[in-house]
């Protein structure tokens, strides 16, 4: 991956029954489930279920939350410039 702007690349493990509480994206963020399954929701609190290979893109300032009933590992990319095209 090539980036012009500073980019944060990390992995997150959400344990069984775990939740990452509601917070706003400080920069554009790509959240991709690489193992397991779980859910995400925005400010409307409507849960969308994701499994391995699926993800979501959050824009700067979008409030969101994520969690899992069974556990998941996600790849998270954060950068002021993420081009999904």
C-alpha atoms as a PDB file:
ATOM      1  CA  UNK A   1       0.000   0.000   0.000  1.00  0.00           C
ATOM      2  CA  UNK A   2       1.280   3.467  -0.857  1.00  0.00           C
ATOM      3  CA  UNK A   3       0.236   6.499   1.070  1.00  0.00           C
ATOM      4  CA  UNK A   4       1.088  10.161   0.689  1.00  0.00           C
ATOM      5  CA  UNK A   5      -0.453  11.166   4.015  1.00  0.00           C
ATOM      6  CA  UNK A   6       0.418   9.548   7.362  1.00  0.00           C
ATOM      7  CA  UNK A   7      -1.570   6.329   7.748  1.00  0.00           C
ATOM      8  CA  UNK A   8      -2.294   4.208  10.800  1.00  0.00           C
ATOM      9  CA  UNK A   9      -2.649   0.468  10.184  1.00  0.00           C
ATOM     10  CA  UNK A  10      -3.637  -1.749  13.069  1.00  0.00           C
ATOM     11  CA  UNK A  11      -5.423  -4.866  14.217  1.00  0.00           C
ATOM     12  CA  UNK A  12      -8.153  -4.972  16.834  1.00  0.00           C
ATOM     13  CA  UNK A  13      -9.443  -8.014  18.659  1.00  0.00           C
ATOM     14  CA  UNK A  14     -12.927  -7.740  20.147  1.00  0.00           C
ATOM     15  CA  UNK A  15     -13.512 -10.606  22.539  1.00  0.00           C
ATOM     16  CA  UNK A  16     -16.741 -12.554  22.897  1.00  0.00           C
ATOM     17  CA  UNK A  17     -19.418 -10.138  24.118  1.00  0.00           C
ATOM     18  CA  UNK A  18     -17.045  -7.168  23.708  1.00  0.00           C
ATOM     19  CA  UNK A  19     -18.016  -3.688  22.558  1.00  0.00           C
ATOM     20  CA  UNK A  20     -15.972  -0.717  21.412  1.00  0.00           C
ATOM     21  CA  UNK A  21     -18.218   2.107  22.596  1.00  0.00           C
ATOM     22  CA  UNK A  22     -19.668   4.920  20.515  1.00  0.00           C
ATOM     23  CA  UNK A  23     -17.034   7.387  19.314  1.00  0.00           C
ATOM     24  CA  UNK A  24     -16.409   9.676  16.338  1.00  0.00           C
ATOM     25  CA  UNK A  25     -13.882   8.888  13.623  1.00  0.00           C
ATOM     26  CA  UNK A  26     -11.078  11.449  13.916  1.00  0.00           C
ATOM     27  CA  UNK A  27     -10.055  10.757  10.284  1.00  0.00           C
ATOM     28  CA  UNK A  28     -11.514   8.516   7.553  1.00  0.00           C
ATOM     29  CA  UNK A  29     -11.408   4.921   8.791  1.00  0.00           C
ATOM     30  CA  UNK A  30     -11.714   1.546   7.073  1.00  0.00           C
ATOM     31  CA  UNK A  31     -12.718  -1.332   9.388  1.00  0.00           C
ATOM     32  CA  UNK A  32     -12.416  -4.818   7.815  1.00  0.00           C
ATOM     33  CA  UNK A  33     -13.280  -8.036   9.663  1.00  0.00           C
ATOM     34  CA  UNK A  34     -10.547 -10.583   8.936  1.00  0.00           C
ATOM     35  CA  UNK A  35     -11.623 -13.323  11.337  1.00  0.00           C
ATOM     36  CA  UNK A  36     -14.866 -14.058  13.165  1.00  0.00           C
ATOM     37  CA  UNK A  37     -18.009 -11.983  12.981  1.00  0.00           C
ATOM     38  CA  UNK A  38     -19.648  -9.082  14.730  1.00  0.00           C
ATOM     39  CA  UNK A  39     -21.601  -5.898  14.192  1.00  0.00           C
ATOM     40  CA  UNK A  40     -21.227  -2.186  13.712  1.00  0.00           C
ATOM     41  CA  UNK A  41     -23.698   0.647  14.117  1.00  0.00           C
ATOM     42  CA  UNK A  42     -23.774   4.350  13.539  1.00  0.00           C
ATOM     43  CA  UNK A  43     -25.471   7.124  15.473  1.00  0.00           C
ATOM     44  CA  UNK A  44     -28.876   5.613  14.575  1.00  0.00           C
ATOM     45  CA  UNK A  45     -27.914   2.499  16.659  1.00  0.00           C
ATOM     46  CA  UNK A  46     -29.082   0.169  13.839  1.00  0.00           C
ATOM     47  CA  UNK A  47     -26.783  -2.868  13.941  1.00  0.00           C
ATOM     48  CA  UNK A  48     -25.281  -4.165  10.712  1.00  0.00           C
ATOM     49  CA  UNK A  49     -23.728  -7.611  10.977  1.00  0.00           C
ATOM     50  CA  UNK A  50     -20.346  -8.302   9.371  1.00  0.00           C
ATOM     51  CA  UNK A  51     -18.362 -11.487   8.821  1.00  0.00           C
ATOM     52  CA  UNK A  52     -14.781 -12.145   7.679  1.00  0.00           C
ATOM     53  CA  UNK A  53     -14.039 -10.289   4.446  1.00  0.00           C
ATOM     54  CA  UNK A  54     -16.639  -7.580   5.007  1.00  0.00           C
ATOM     55  CA  UNK A  55     -16.063  -4.063   6.231  1.00  0.00           C
ATOM     56  CA  UNK A  56     -17.282  -0.530   6.642  1.00  0.00           C
ATOM     57  CA  UNK A  57     -15.901   2.913   5.843  1.00  0.00           C
ATOM     58  CA  UNK A  58     -16.412   5.764   8.301  1.00  0.00           C
ATOM     59  CA  UNK A  59     -15.947   9.415   7.299  1.00  0.00           C
ATOM     60  CA  UNK A  60     -14.371  11.956   9.644  1.00  0.00           C
ATOM     61  CA  UNK A  61     -16.816  12.860  12.407  1.00  0.00           C
ATOM     62  CA  UNK A  62     -19.141   9.869  11.944  1.00  0.00           C
ATOM     63  CA  UNK A  63     -20.122   8.339  15.266  1.00  0.00           C
ATOM     64  CA  UNK A  64     -19.886   4.555  15.366  1.00  0.00           C
ATOM     65  CA  UNK A  65     -19.652   1.538  17.628  1.00  0.00           C
ATOM     66  CA  UNK A  66     -18.619  -2.076  17.060  1.00  0.00           C
ATOM     67  CA  UNK A  67     -18.954  -5.345  18.912  1.00  0.00           C
ATOM     68  CA  UNK A  68     -19.130  -9.113  18.680  1.00  0.00           C
ATOM     69  CA  UNK A  69     -21.106 -11.884  20.346  1.00  0.00           C
ATOM     70  CA  UNK A  70     -18.499 -14.516  19.391  1.00  0.00           C
ATOM     71  CA  UNK A  71     -15.252 -12.543  18.921  1.00  0.00           C
ATOM     72  CA  UNK A  72     -13.624 -10.931  15.901  1.00  0.00           C
ATOM     73  CA  UNK A  73     -10.342  -9.602  14.612  1.00  0.00           C
ATOM     74  CA  UNK A  74     -10.419  -6.503  12.412  1.00  0.00           C
ATOM     75  CA  UNK A  75      -7.892  -4.668  10.277  1.00  0.00           C
ATOM     76  CA  UNK A  76      -8.234  -0.901  10.725  1.00  0.00           C
ATOM     77  CA  UNK A  77      -6.803   1.699   8.348  1.00  0.00           C
ATOM     78  CA  UNK A  78      -6.964   5.384   9.305  1.00  0.00           C
ATOM     79  CA  UNK A  79      -5.734   8.230   7.133  1.00  0.00           C
ATOM     80  CA  UNK A  80      -6.804  11.662   5.967  1.00  0.00           C
ATOM     81  CA  UNK A  81      -6.667  10.246   2.445  1.00  0.00           C
ATOM     82  CA  UNK A  82      -8.181   6.822   1.782  1.00  0.00           C
ATOM     83  CA  UNK A  83      -9.083   6.191  -1.856  1.00  0.00           C
ATOM     84  CA  UNK A  84     -11.515   3.285  -2.220  1.00  0.00           C
ATOM     85  CA  UNK A  85     -11.778   3.565  -6.008  1.00  0.00           C
END
